[in-house]
C-alpha atoms as a PDB file:
ATOM      1  CA  UNK A   1      93.691 120.729  77.246  1.00  0.00           C
ATOM      2  CA  UNK A   2      92.901 118.565  80.197  1.00  0.00           C
ATOM      3  CA  UNK A   3      94.126 116.327  82.735  1.00  0.00           C
ATOM      4  CA  UNK A   4      92.969 113.000  83.441  1.00  0.00           C
ATOM      5  CA  UNK A   5      91.834 112.569  86.797  1.00  0.00           C
ATOM      6  CA  UNK A   6      90.391 109.323  88.269  1.00  0.00           C
ATOM      7  CA  UNK A   7      87.677 109.244  90.597  1.00  0.00           C
ATOM      8  CA  UNK A   8      87.447 106.683  93.293  1.00  0.00           C
ATOM      9  CA  UNK A   9      84.263 106.110  95.189  1.00  0.00           C
ATOM     10  CA  UNK A  10      86.902 103.129  97.258  1.00  0.00           C
ATOM     11  CA  UNK A  11      89.614 102.078  98.015  1.00  0.00           C
ATOM     12  CA  UNK A  12      90.835  98.840  96.298  1.00  0.00           C
ATOM     13  CA  UNK A  13      94.704  98.202  96.893  1.00  0.00           C
ATOM     14  CA  UNK A  14      96.352  95.602  97.167  1.00  0.00           C
ATOM     15  CA  UNK A  15      98.843  94.808  99.559  1.00  0.00           C
ATOM     16  CA  UNK A  16     101.983  96.587  97.915  1.00  0.00           C
ATOM     17  CA  UNK A  17      99.519  99.254  97.423  1.00  0.00           C
ATOM     18  CA  UNK A  18      99.260  99.411 101.356  1.00  0.00           C
ATOM     19  CA  UNK A  19      96.579  96.927 102.161  1.00  0.00           C
ATOM     20  CA  UNK A  20      98.306  95.029 105.419  1.00  0.00           C
ATOM     21  CA  UNK A  21      97.855  91.227 105.565  1.00  0.00           C
ATOM     22  CA  UNK A  22      95.306  91.643 108.804  1.00  0.00           C
ATOM     23  CA  UNK A  23      94.512  95.683 108.902  1.00  0.00           C
ATOM     24  CA  UNK A  24      92.788  96.296 112.462  1.00  0.00           C
ATOM     25  CA  UNK A  25      90.133  98.692 113.199  1.00  0.00           C
ATOM     26  CA  UNK A  26      90.754 102.343 114.791  1.00  0.00           C
ATOM     27  CA  UNK A  27      94.404 101.595 113.085  1.00  0.00           C
ATOM     28  CA  UNK A  28      95.494 104.292 110.582  1.00  0.00           C
ATOM     29  CA  UNK A  29      97.727 103.086 107.388  1.00  0.00           C
ATOM     30  CA  UNK A  30      99.167 104.103 104.289  1.00  0.00           C
ATOM     31  CA  UNK A  31      98.479 103.932 100.420  1.00  0.00           C
ATOM     32  CA  UNK A  32      99.478 104.769  97.561  1.00  0.00           C
ATOM     33  CA  UNK A  33      98.222 104.493  93.882  1.00  0.00           C
ATOM     34  CA  UNK A  34      99.004 105.213  90.157  1.00  0.00           C
ATOM     35  CA  UNK A  35      98.004 107.725  88.519  1.00  0.00           C
ATOM     36  CA  UNK A  36      95.934 111.076  90.218  1.00  0.00           C
ATOM     37  CA  UNK A  37      93.064 109.967  91.621  1.00  0.00           C
ATOM     38  CA  UNK A  38      90.794 112.179  93.973  1.00  0.00           C
ATOM     39  CA  UNK A  39      88.937 109.986  97.100  1.00  0.00           C
ATOM     40  CA  UNK A  40      85.667 111.585  99.486  1.00  0.00           C
ATOM     41  CA  UNK A  41      87.484 112.646 102.501  1.00  0.00           C
ATOM     42  CA  UNK A  42      85.784 112.086 105.868  1.00  0.00           C
ATOM     43  CA  UNK A  43      83.474 109.890 105.183  1.00  0.00           C
ATOM     44  CA  UNK A  44      82.962 105.849 105.350  1.00  0.00           C
ATOM     45  CA  UNK A  45      84.085 104.258 101.606  1.00  0.00           C
ATOM     46  CA  UNK A  46      84.498 100.155 101.116  1.00  0.00           C
ATOM     47  CA  UNK A  47      87.307  98.423 101.679  1.00  0.00           C
ATOM     48  CA  UNK A  48      88.217  96.263  98.591  1.00  0.00           C
ATOM     49  CA  UNK A  49      91.298  93.896  98.101  1.00  0.00           C
ATOM     50  CA  UNK A  50      92.566  93.211  94.844  1.00  0.00           C
ATOM     51  CA  UNK A  51      90.602  90.368  94.348  1.00  0.00           C
ATOM     52  CA  UNK A  52      87.306  92.840  94.682  1.00  0.00           C
ATOM     53  CA  UNK A  53      87.098  91.475  98.417  1.00  0.00           C
ATOM     54  CA  UNK A  54      85.160  93.595 100.483  1.00  0.00           C
ATOM     55  CA  UNK A  55      86.431  93.400 103.834  1.00  0.00           C
ATOM     56  CA  UNK A  56      85.070  96.756 105.530  1.00  0.00           C
ATOM     57  CA  UNK A  57      84.946 100.536 105.461  1.00  0.00           C
ATOM     58  CA  UNK A  58      87.522 102.768 105.649  1.00  0.00           C
ATOM     59  CA  UNK A  59      87.555 106.793 105.748  1.00  0.00           C
ATOM     60  CA  UNK A  60      90.412 108.207 104.313  1.00  0.00           C
ATOM     61  CA  UNK A  61      91.877 110.951 106.036  1.00  0.00           C
ATOM     62  CA  UNK A  62      94.045 112.983 103.839  1.00  0.00           C
ATOM     63  CA  UNK A  63      95.677 112.134 100.250  1.00  0.00           C
ATOM     64  CA  UNK A  64      98.163 113.634  97.902  1.00  0.00           C
ATOM     65  CA  UNK A  65      98.195 113.820  93.979  1.00  0.00           C
ATOM     66  CA  UNK A  66     100.842 114.448  91.662  1.00  0.00           C
ATOM     67  CA  UNK A  67     100.945 113.136  87.545  1.00  0.00           C
ATOM     68  CA  UNK A  68     102.683 109.808  88.831  1.00  0.00           C
ATOM     69  CA  UNK A  69     100.736 108.776  91.622  1.00  0.00           C
ATOM     70  CA  UNK A  70      98.726 109.153  94.678  1.00  0.00           C
ATOM     71  CA  UNK A  71      99.138 109.024  98.329  1.00  0.00           C
ATOM     72  CA  UNK A  72      97.107 108.892 101.485  1.00  0.00           C
ATOM     73  CA  UNK A  73      96.343 108.126 105.107  1.00  0.00           C
ATOM     74  CA  UNK A  74      93.592 105.592 105.997  1.00  0.00           C
ATOM     75  CA  UNK A  75      92.264 103.997 109.062  1.00  0.00           C
ATOM     76  CA  UNK A  76      89.699 101.154 109.415  1.00  0.00           C
ATOM     77  CA  UNK A  77      86.421 102.263 111.158  1.00  0.00           C
ATOM     78  CA  UNK A  78      84.974  98.465 110.308  1.00  0.00           C
ATOM     79  CA  UNK A  79      85.791  94.983 110.059  1.00  0.00           C
ATOM     80  CA  UNK A  80      83.198  93.183 108.344  1.00  0.00           C
ATOM     81  CA  UNK A  81      82.285  89.945 109.207  1.00  0.00           C
ATOM     82  CA  UNK A  82      81.986  86.890 106.730  1.00  0.00           C
ATOM     83  CA  UNK A  83      77.866  87.542 106.177  1.00  0.00           C
ATOM     84  CA  UNK A  84      78.235  91.057 105.524  1.00  0.00           C
ATOM     85  CA  UNK A  85      81.096  90.625 103.504  1.00  0.00           C
ATOM     86  CA  UNK A  86      79.678  88.350 100.806  1.00  0.00           C
ATOM     87  CA  UNK A  87      76.744  90.917 100.951  1.00  0.00           C
ATOM     88  CA  UNK A  88      78.426  93.497  99.805  1.00  0.00           C
ATOM     89  CA  UNK A  89      80.735  90.900  97.279  1.00  0.00           C
ATOM     90  CA  UNK A  90      77.978  89.987  95.210  1.00  0.00           C
ATOM     91  CA  UNK A  91      77.302  93.924  95.104  1.00  0.00           C
ATOM     92  CA  UNK A  92      80.733  94.164  93.658  1.00  0.00           C
ATOM     93  CA  UNK A  93      80.561  91.351  92.042  1.00  0.00           C
ATOM     94  CA  UNK A  94      77.657  91.933  89.732  1.00  0.00           C
ATOM     95  CA  UNK A  95      77.963  96.122  89.222  1.00  0.00           C
ATOM     96  CA  UNK A  96      81.645  95.772  88.737  1.00  0.00           C
ATOM     97  CA  UNK A  97      83.812  92.337  87.883  1.00  0.00           C
END
């Protein structure tokens, strides 16, 4: 018997899940996602909104898992320029969307 767990290498959030309207570099935010998930801790990952628009890089500082949800804290460490975001968006759209 096993438990399904999602392994995520990006942090894709909606405003309901913890994405601020205007994220600020250096600020710490909380997030929650449904189901058990595992994230890399202490390394930059892409921060993506619920429309698959890349916003920047975030570092997940901690997360906790239970059967129903995953909660954690992350810091925005880089906010992408419009050109950087467009380049990352092309990659995500070609591979995942």
